[in-house]
Amino acid sequence: MYKRFEMRRSVLGLPIELITSHWDVPLGFLATDLTPRGVYIQSEVMPEPGEHVVCSFNFLNGQPPYCFFGEVARVNLFRRKAEAGRPGFGVNFLDAGPLDRLRIRSALRGLPPPVPAPRRKSCLIYSYS
């Protein structure tokens, strides 16, 4: 049975490294949205939905990094002018245990949630000449 979890999302510019089956060395990206159950990674290079990845990131220097197996849940290309946002993809953490999720939640405490982007309005300009 499918269970929907409501998690508070936090906006940040966190460096994150990713390894996929196509990239055998860690590549650096920018995580712009993070919850204890997953992350949105800003990127021009997109893995396939359903692809398994390894994510590694660190909140504070000196702390051990978080390292999770994940699955690419969605890919946003934002090809149309009306679509707001930057291209990227969402990853669900597969092996984040309850203690890991609590540690992430406490590290995110105090960070603001994302502000919705204003919708772009299209208008027609008529010339009566």
N, C-alpha and C. Protein backbone atom coordinates (compact mmCIF):
# COMPACT_ATOMS: atom_id res chain seq x y z
N MET A 1 0.84 -1.17 0.00
CA MET A 1 0.00 0.00 0.00
C MET A 1 0.89 1.25 0.00
N TYR A 2 0.52 2.21 -0.81
CA TYR A 2 1.28 3.45 -0.92
C TYR A 2 0.98 4.36 0.25
N LYS A 3 2.01 4.85 0.91
CA LYS A 3 1.86 5.79 2.01
C LYS A 3 2.47 7.11 1.61
N ARG A 4 1.75 8.18 1.79
CA ARG A 4 2.28 9.50 1.48
C ARG A 4 2.81 10.12 2.77
N PHE A 5 4.04 10.62 2.71
CA PHE A 5 4.65 11.25 3.86
C PHE A 5 4.75 12.74 3.60
N GLU A 6 4.29 13.51 4.55
CA GLU A 6 4.44 14.96 4.45
C GLU A 6 5.69 15.35 5.20
N MET A 7 6.63 15.93 4.49
CA MET A 7 7.89 16.36 5.09
C MET A 7 8.08 17.83 4.78
N ARG A 8 8.64 18.53 5.71
CA ARG A 8 8.98 19.92 5.48
C ARG A 8 10.23 19.97 4.62
N ARG A 9 10.15 20.69 3.51
CA ARG A 9 11.30 20.83 2.63
C ARG A 9 12.08 22.06 3.03
N SER A 10 13.37 22.02 2.84
CA SER A 10 14.22 23.16 3.15
C SER A 10 15.07 23.52 1.94
N VAL A 11 15.22 24.83 1.74
CA VAL A 11 16.01 25.34 0.63
C VAL A 11 17.44 25.53 1.11
N LEU A 12 18.36 25.07 0.32
CA LEU A 12 19.76 25.26 0.65
C LEU A 12 20.59 25.08 -0.60
N GLY A 13 21.81 25.48 -0.55
CA GLY A 13 22.75 25.28 -1.64
C GLY A 13 23.85 24.38 -1.13
N LEU A 14 23.53 23.13 -0.96
CA LEU A 14 24.43 22.17 -0.35
C LEU A 14 25.19 21.39 -1.43
N PRO A 15 26.52 21.39 -1.37
CA PRO A 15 27.26 20.55 -2.32
C PRO A 15 26.98 19.07 -2.05
N ILE A 16 26.76 18.32 -3.12
CA ILE A 16 26.46 16.89 -2.99
C ILE A 16 27.22 16.16 -4.09
N GLU A 17 27.70 14.97 -3.77
CA GLU A 17 28.38 14.13 -4.76
C GLU A 17 27.49 12.96 -5.10
N LEU A 18 27.52 12.58 -6.36
CA LEU A 18 26.66 11.52 -6.85
C LEU A 18 27.47 10.54 -7.69
N ILE A 19 27.17 9.27 -7.53
CA ILE A 19 27.74 8.21 -8.37
C ILE A 19 26.58 7.43 -8.97
N THR A 20 26.62 7.20 -10.26
CA THR A 20 25.61 6.39 -10.92
C THR A 20 26.30 5.25 -11.66
N SER A 21 25.52 4.43 -12.32
CA SER A 21 26.11 3.34 -13.09
C SER A 21 26.86 3.86 -14.31
N HIS A 22 26.53 5.08 -14.75
CA HIS A 22 27.19 5.68 -15.91
C HIS A 22 28.40 6.52 -15.53
N TRP A 23 28.40 7.04 -14.31
CA TRP A 23 29.51 7.86 -13.82
C TRP A 23 30.17 7.08 -12.69
N ASP A 24 31.34 6.52 -12.93
CA ASP A 24 31.98 5.69 -11.91
C ASP A 24 32.85 6.49 -10.94
N VAL A 25 32.94 7.79 -11.15
CA VAL A 25 33.63 8.67 -10.20
C VAL A 25 32.59 9.65 -9.65
N PRO A 26 32.77 10.11 -8.42
CA PRO A 26 31.79 11.05 -7.86
C PRO A 26 31.80 12.38 -8.61
N LEU A 27 30.61 12.83 -9.00
CA LEU A 27 30.46 14.13 -9.65
C LEU A 27 29.78 15.08 -8.67
N GLY A 28 30.24 16.32 -8.64
CA GLY A 28 29.69 17.31 -7.73
C GLY A 28 28.49 18.03 -8.33
N PHE A 29 27.44 18.18 -7.52
CA PHE A 29 26.24 18.89 -7.91
C PHE A 29 25.84 19.82 -6.77
N LEU A 30 24.71 20.50 -6.94
CA LEU A 30 24.18 21.38 -5.92
C LEU A 30 22.79 20.90 -5.53
N ALA A 31 22.62 20.57 -4.25
CA ALA A 31 21.32 20.17 -3.73
C ALA A 31 20.57 21.44 -3.33
N THR A 32 19.43 21.68 -3.96
CA THR A 32 18.69 22.90 -3.68
C THR A 32 17.46 22.68 -2.82
N ASP A 33 17.09 21.45 -2.57
CA ASP A 33 15.90 21.14 -1.79
C ASP A 33 16.15 19.80 -1.10
N LEU A 34 15.97 19.75 0.21
CA LEU A 34 16.30 18.54 0.96
C LEU A 34 15.25 18.24 2.01
N THR A 35 14.88 16.98 2.12
CA THR A 35 14.05 16.48 3.21
C THR A 35 14.77 15.27 3.80
N PRO A 36 14.31 14.77 4.94
CA PRO A 36 14.93 13.55 5.48
C PRO A 36 14.72 12.31 4.60
N ARG A 37 13.85 12.38 3.61
CA ARG A 37 13.58 11.22 2.75
C ARG A 37 14.11 11.37 1.33
N GLY A 38 14.65 12.55 0.98
CA GLY A 38 15.14 12.70 -0.38
C GLY A 38 15.72 14.08 -0.63
N VAL A 39 16.15 14.28 -1.88
CA VAL A 39 16.84 15.52 -2.25
C VAL A 39 16.52 15.87 -3.69
N TYR A 40 16.48 17.18 -3.98
CA TYR A 40 16.37 17.66 -5.36
C TYR A 40 17.72 18.22 -5.74
N ILE A 41 18.27 17.74 -6.84
CA ILE A 41 19.62 18.10 -7.27
C ILE A 41 19.52 18.89 -8.56
N GLN A 42 20.09 20.08 -8.54
CA GLN A 42 20.10 20.95 -9.71
C GLN A 42 21.18 20.46 -10.67
N SER A 43 20.80 20.23 -11.93
CA SER A 43 21.76 19.69 -12.88
C SER A 43 21.26 19.86 -14.30
N GLU A 44 22.20 20.01 -15.22
CA GLU A 44 21.89 20.02 -16.64
C GLU A 44 21.99 18.59 -17.20
N VAL A 45 22.71 17.73 -16.51
CA VAL A 45 22.89 16.33 -16.91
C VAL A 45 21.91 15.49 -16.11
N MET A 46 21.08 14.71 -16.80
CA MET A 46 20.01 13.98 -16.13
C MET A 46 20.20 12.47 -16.20
N PRO A 47 20.11 11.80 -15.06
CA PRO A 47 20.04 10.34 -15.10
C PRO A 47 18.61 9.92 -15.46
N GLU A 48 18.43 8.67 -15.75
CA GLU A 48 17.11 8.15 -16.10
C GLU A 48 16.27 7.96 -14.84
N PRO A 49 14.94 8.21 -14.91
CA PRO A 49 14.08 7.90 -13.77
C PRO A 49 14.16 6.41 -13.43
N GLY A 50 14.25 6.10 -12.16
CA GLY A 50 14.38 4.73 -11.71
C GLY A 50 15.81 4.27 -11.54
N GLU A 51 16.77 5.06 -12.01
CA GLU A 51 18.18 4.69 -11.89
C GLU A 51 18.63 4.79 -10.44
N HIS A 52 19.46 3.83 -10.02
CA HIS A 52 19.98 3.84 -8.66
C HIS A 52 21.28 4.64 -8.61
N VAL A 53 21.40 5.44 -7.55
CA VAL A 53 22.56 6.33 -7.38
C VAL A 53 23.06 6.22 -5.95
N VAL A 54 24.25 6.75 -5.72
CA VAL A 54 24.80 6.88 -4.38
C VAL A 54 25.01 8.38 -4.14
N CYS A 55 24.39 8.90 -3.07
CA CYS A 55 24.47 10.32 -2.72
C CYS A 55 25.35 10.48 -1.50
N SER A 56 26.20 11.49 -1.51
CA SER A 56 27.05 11.78 -0.37
C SER A 56 27.08 13.29 -0.15
N PHE A 57 26.78 13.73 1.08
CA PHE A 57 26.80 15.16 1.41
C PHE A 57 27.14 15.33 2.88
N ASN A 58 27.50 16.55 3.23
CA ASN A 58 27.91 16.85 4.60
C ASN A 58 27.38 18.23 4.97
N PHE A 59 26.74 18.33 6.14
CA PHE A 59 26.23 19.62 6.60
C PHE A 59 27.32 20.46 7.25
N LEU A 60 28.10 19.86 8.11
CA LEU A 60 29.11 20.60 8.87
C LEU A 60 30.47 19.95 8.67
N ASN A 61 31.50 20.78 8.54
CA ASN A 61 32.85 20.24 8.44
C ASN A 61 33.21 19.57 9.76
N GLY A 62 33.92 18.47 9.67
CA GLY A 62 34.29 17.73 10.86
C GLY A 62 33.31 16.63 11.23
N GLN A 63 32.08 16.72 10.72
CA GLN A 63 31.08 15.69 10.95
C GLN A 63 31.22 14.62 9.87
N PRO A 64 30.89 13.38 10.19
CA PRO A 64 30.95 12.36 9.12
C PRO A 64 29.89 12.66 8.06
N PRO A 65 30.21 12.41 6.79
CA PRO A 65 29.23 12.71 5.73
C PRO A 65 28.08 11.71 5.73
N TYR A 66 26.96 12.16 5.23
CA TYR A 66 25.82 11.27 4.99
C TYR A 66 26.06 10.60 3.65
N CYS A 67 25.82 9.32 3.58
CA CYS A 67 25.99 8.57 2.33
C CYS A 67 24.82 7.60 2.21
N PHE A 68 23.99 7.79 1.19
CA PHE A 68 22.79 6.98 1.02
C PHE A 68 22.70 6.43 -0.39
N PHE A 69 22.12 5.24 -0.50
CA PHE A 69 21.70 4.74 -1.79
C PHE A 69 20.36 5.41 -2.08
N GLY A 70 20.14 5.74 -3.35
CA GLY A 70 18.90 6.40 -3.72
C GLY A 70 18.43 5.97 -5.08
N GLU A 71 17.21 6.37 -5.39
CA GLU A 71 16.61 6.08 -6.68
C GLU A 71 16.09 7.39 -7.27
N VAL A 72 16.39 7.64 -8.53
CA VAL A 72 15.92 8.85 -9.20
C VAL A 72 14.41 8.73 -9.35
N ALA A 73 13.68 9.62 -8.68
CA ALA A 73 12.22 9.55 -8.67
C ALA A 73 11.59 10.38 -9.78
N ARG A 74 12.21 11.52 -10.09
CA ARG A 74 11.65 12.38 -11.13
C ARG A 74 12.75 13.20 -11.77
N VAL A 75 12.49 13.62 -12.99
CA VAL A 75 13.43 14.45 -13.74
C VAL A 75 12.65 15.65 -14.26
N ASN A 76 13.14 16.85 -13.98
CA ASN A 76 12.51 18.08 -14.45
C ASN A 76 13.45 18.76 -15.43
N LEU A 77 13.02 18.88 -16.67
CA LEU A 77 13.86 19.51 -17.68
C LEU A 77 13.56 20.99 -17.84
N PHE A 78 12.35 21.43 -17.49
CA PHE A 78 11.93 22.83 -17.59
C PHE A 78 12.28 23.39 -18.96
N ARG A 79 11.73 22.80 -19.99
CA ARG A 79 12.02 23.22 -21.36
C ARG A 79 11.13 24.36 -21.83
N ARG A 80 9.95 24.49 -21.23
CA ARG A 80 9.02 25.51 -21.69
C ARG A 80 9.28 26.83 -20.96
N LYS A 81 8.96 27.93 -21.64
CA LYS A 81 9.17 29.24 -21.03
C LYS A 81 8.30 29.45 -19.80
N ALA A 82 7.11 28.87 -19.80
CA ALA A 82 6.16 29.08 -18.71
C ALA A 82 6.56 28.32 -17.44
N GLU A 83 7.45 27.35 -17.57
CA GLU A 83 7.84 26.57 -16.40
C GLU A 83 8.93 27.32 -15.63
N ALA A 84 8.67 27.50 -14.35
CA ALA A 84 9.65 28.18 -13.49
C ALA A 84 10.57 27.14 -12.87
N GLY A 85 11.75 27.54 -12.54
CA GLY A 85 12.68 26.64 -11.88
C GLY A 85 13.88 26.31 -12.74
N ARG A 86 14.75 25.55 -12.15
CA ARG A 86 15.96 25.14 -12.85
C ARG A 86 15.91 23.64 -13.08
N PRO A 87 16.54 23.16 -14.16
CA PRO A 87 16.50 21.73 -14.43
C PRO A 87 17.21 20.95 -13.33
N GLY A 88 16.71 19.77 -13.10
CA GLY A 88 17.30 18.91 -12.08
C GLY A 88 16.51 17.63 -11.93
N PHE A 89 16.82 16.89 -10.88
CA PHE A 89 16.15 15.62 -10.64
C PHE A 89 16.02 15.36 -9.15
N GLY A 90 14.98 14.62 -8.80
CA GLY A 90 14.70 14.27 -7.41
C GLY A 90 15.15 12.85 -7.13
N VAL A 91 15.75 12.65 -5.95
CA VAL A 91 16.23 11.34 -5.54
C VAL A 91 15.58 10.97 -4.21
N ASN A 92 14.99 9.78 -4.14
CA ASN A 92 14.48 9.24 -2.88
C ASN A 92 15.59 8.42 -2.23
N PHE A 93 15.84 8.67 -0.94
CA PHE A 93 16.82 7.86 -0.21
C PHE A 93 16.21 6.49 0.07
N LEU A 94 16.94 5.43 -0.25
CA LEU A 94 16.43 4.08 -0.06
C LEU A 94 16.83 3.48 1.28
N ASP A 95 17.99 3.86 1.80
CA ASP A 95 18.48 3.20 3.01
C ASP A 95 18.66 4.15 4.19
N ALA A 96 17.97 5.30 4.17
CA ALA A 96 18.05 6.23 5.30
C ALA A 96 17.20 5.67 6.44
N GLY A 97 17.86 5.30 7.52
CA GLY A 97 17.15 4.76 8.67
C GLY A 97 16.52 5.86 9.51
N PRO A 98 15.74 5.47 10.52
CA PRO A 98 15.08 6.46 11.37
C PRO A 98 16.06 7.42 12.06
N LEU A 99 17.19 6.91 12.51
CA LEU A 99 18.17 7.77 13.17
C LEU A 99 18.79 8.76 12.19
N ASP A 100 19.08 8.30 10.96
CA ASP A 100 19.61 9.20 9.93
C ASP A 100 18.60 10.30 9.60
N ARG A 101 17.33 9.93 9.47
CA ARG A 101 16.30 10.92 9.16
C ARG A 101 16.15 11.94 10.28
N LEU A 102 16.25 11.49 11.53
CA LEU A 102 16.18 12.42 12.66
C LEU A 102 17.37 13.37 12.67
N ARG A 103 18.56 12.85 12.35
CA ARG A 103 19.75 13.71 12.30
C ARG A 103 19.63 14.76 11.20
N ILE A 104 19.11 14.36 10.04
CA ILE A 104 18.91 15.32 8.95
C ILE A 104 17.87 16.35 9.34
N ARG A 105 16.77 15.90 9.93
CA ARG A 105 15.71 16.82 10.34
C ARG A 105 16.22 17.85 11.34
N SER A 106 17.03 17.41 12.30
CA SER A 106 17.56 18.36 13.29
C SER A 106 18.57 19.31 12.65
N ALA A 107 19.33 18.84 11.66
CA ALA A 107 20.28 19.72 10.97
C ALA A 107 19.56 20.75 10.12
N LEU A 108 18.38 20.41 9.61
CA LEU A 108 17.61 21.33 8.78
C LEU A 108 16.76 22.30 9.59
N ARG A 109 16.63 22.04 10.88
CA ARG A 109 15.80 22.89 11.73
C ARG A 109 16.30 24.33 11.66
N GLY A 110 15.39 25.25 11.44
CA GLY A 110 15.74 26.67 11.36
C GLY A 110 15.94 27.17 9.95
N LEU A 111 16.08 26.26 8.98
CA LEU A 111 16.20 26.69 7.59
C LEU A 111 14.81 26.96 7.02
N PRO A 112 14.66 27.95 6.17
CA PRO A 112 13.32 28.29 5.65
C PRO A 112 12.83 27.27 4.63
N PRO A 113 11.51 27.10 4.54
CA PRO A 113 10.95 26.26 3.47
C PRO A 113 11.05 27.01 2.16
N PRO A 114 10.91 26.31 1.03
CA PRO A 114 11.01 26.98 -0.26
C PRO A 114 9.86 27.96 -0.48
N VAL A 115 10.16 29.06 -1.11
CA VAL A 115 9.15 30.06 -1.45
C VAL A 115 8.63 29.71 -2.83
N PRO A 116 7.31 29.63 -2.99
CA PRO A 116 6.79 29.30 -4.31
C PRO A 116 7.18 30.36 -5.33
N ALA A 117 7.58 29.91 -6.50
CA ALA A 117 7.96 30.83 -7.57
C ALA A 117 6.69 31.44 -8.16
N PRO A 118 6.72 32.73 -8.44
CA PRO A 118 5.53 33.34 -9.05
C PRO A 118 5.32 32.79 -10.45
N ARG A 119 4.06 32.63 -10.80
CA ARG A 119 3.74 32.13 -12.14
C ARG A 119 4.00 33.24 -13.16
N ARG A 120 4.59 32.83 -14.25
CA ARG A 120 4.81 33.79 -15.34
C ARG A 120 3.51 33.97 -16.10
N LYS A 121 3.17 35.20 -16.28
CA LYS A 121 1.94 35.50 -17.02
C LYS A 121 2.29 35.82 -18.46
N SER A 122 1.53 35.28 -19.36
CA SER A 122 1.75 35.60 -20.75
C SER A 122 0.73 36.65 -21.15
N CYS A 123 1.14 37.53 -21.99
CA CYS A 123 0.20 38.56 -22.45
C CYS A 123 0.38 38.75 -23.95
N LEU A 124 -0.65 39.22 -24.56
CA LEU A 124 -0.61 39.51 -25.98
C LEU A 124 -0.56 41.01 -26.15
N ILE A 125 0.27 41.46 -27.04
CA ILE A 125 0.39 42.87 -27.32
C ILE A 125 -0.15 43.12 -28.71
N TYR A 126 -1.15 43.97 -28.77
CA TYR A 126 -1.77 44.30 -30.05
C TYR A 126 -1.26 45.65 -30.52
N SER A 127 -0.99 45.73 -31.78
CA SER A 127 -0.56 46.98 -32.37
C SER A 127 -1.65 47.46 -33.33
N TYR A 128 -2.19 48.64 -33.07
CA TYR A 128 -3.23 49.20 -33.93
C TYR A 128 -2.60 50.29 -34.77
N SER A 129 -1.92 49.91 -35.82
CA SER A 129 -1.30 50.92 -36.67
C SER A 129 -1.99 51.04 -37.99
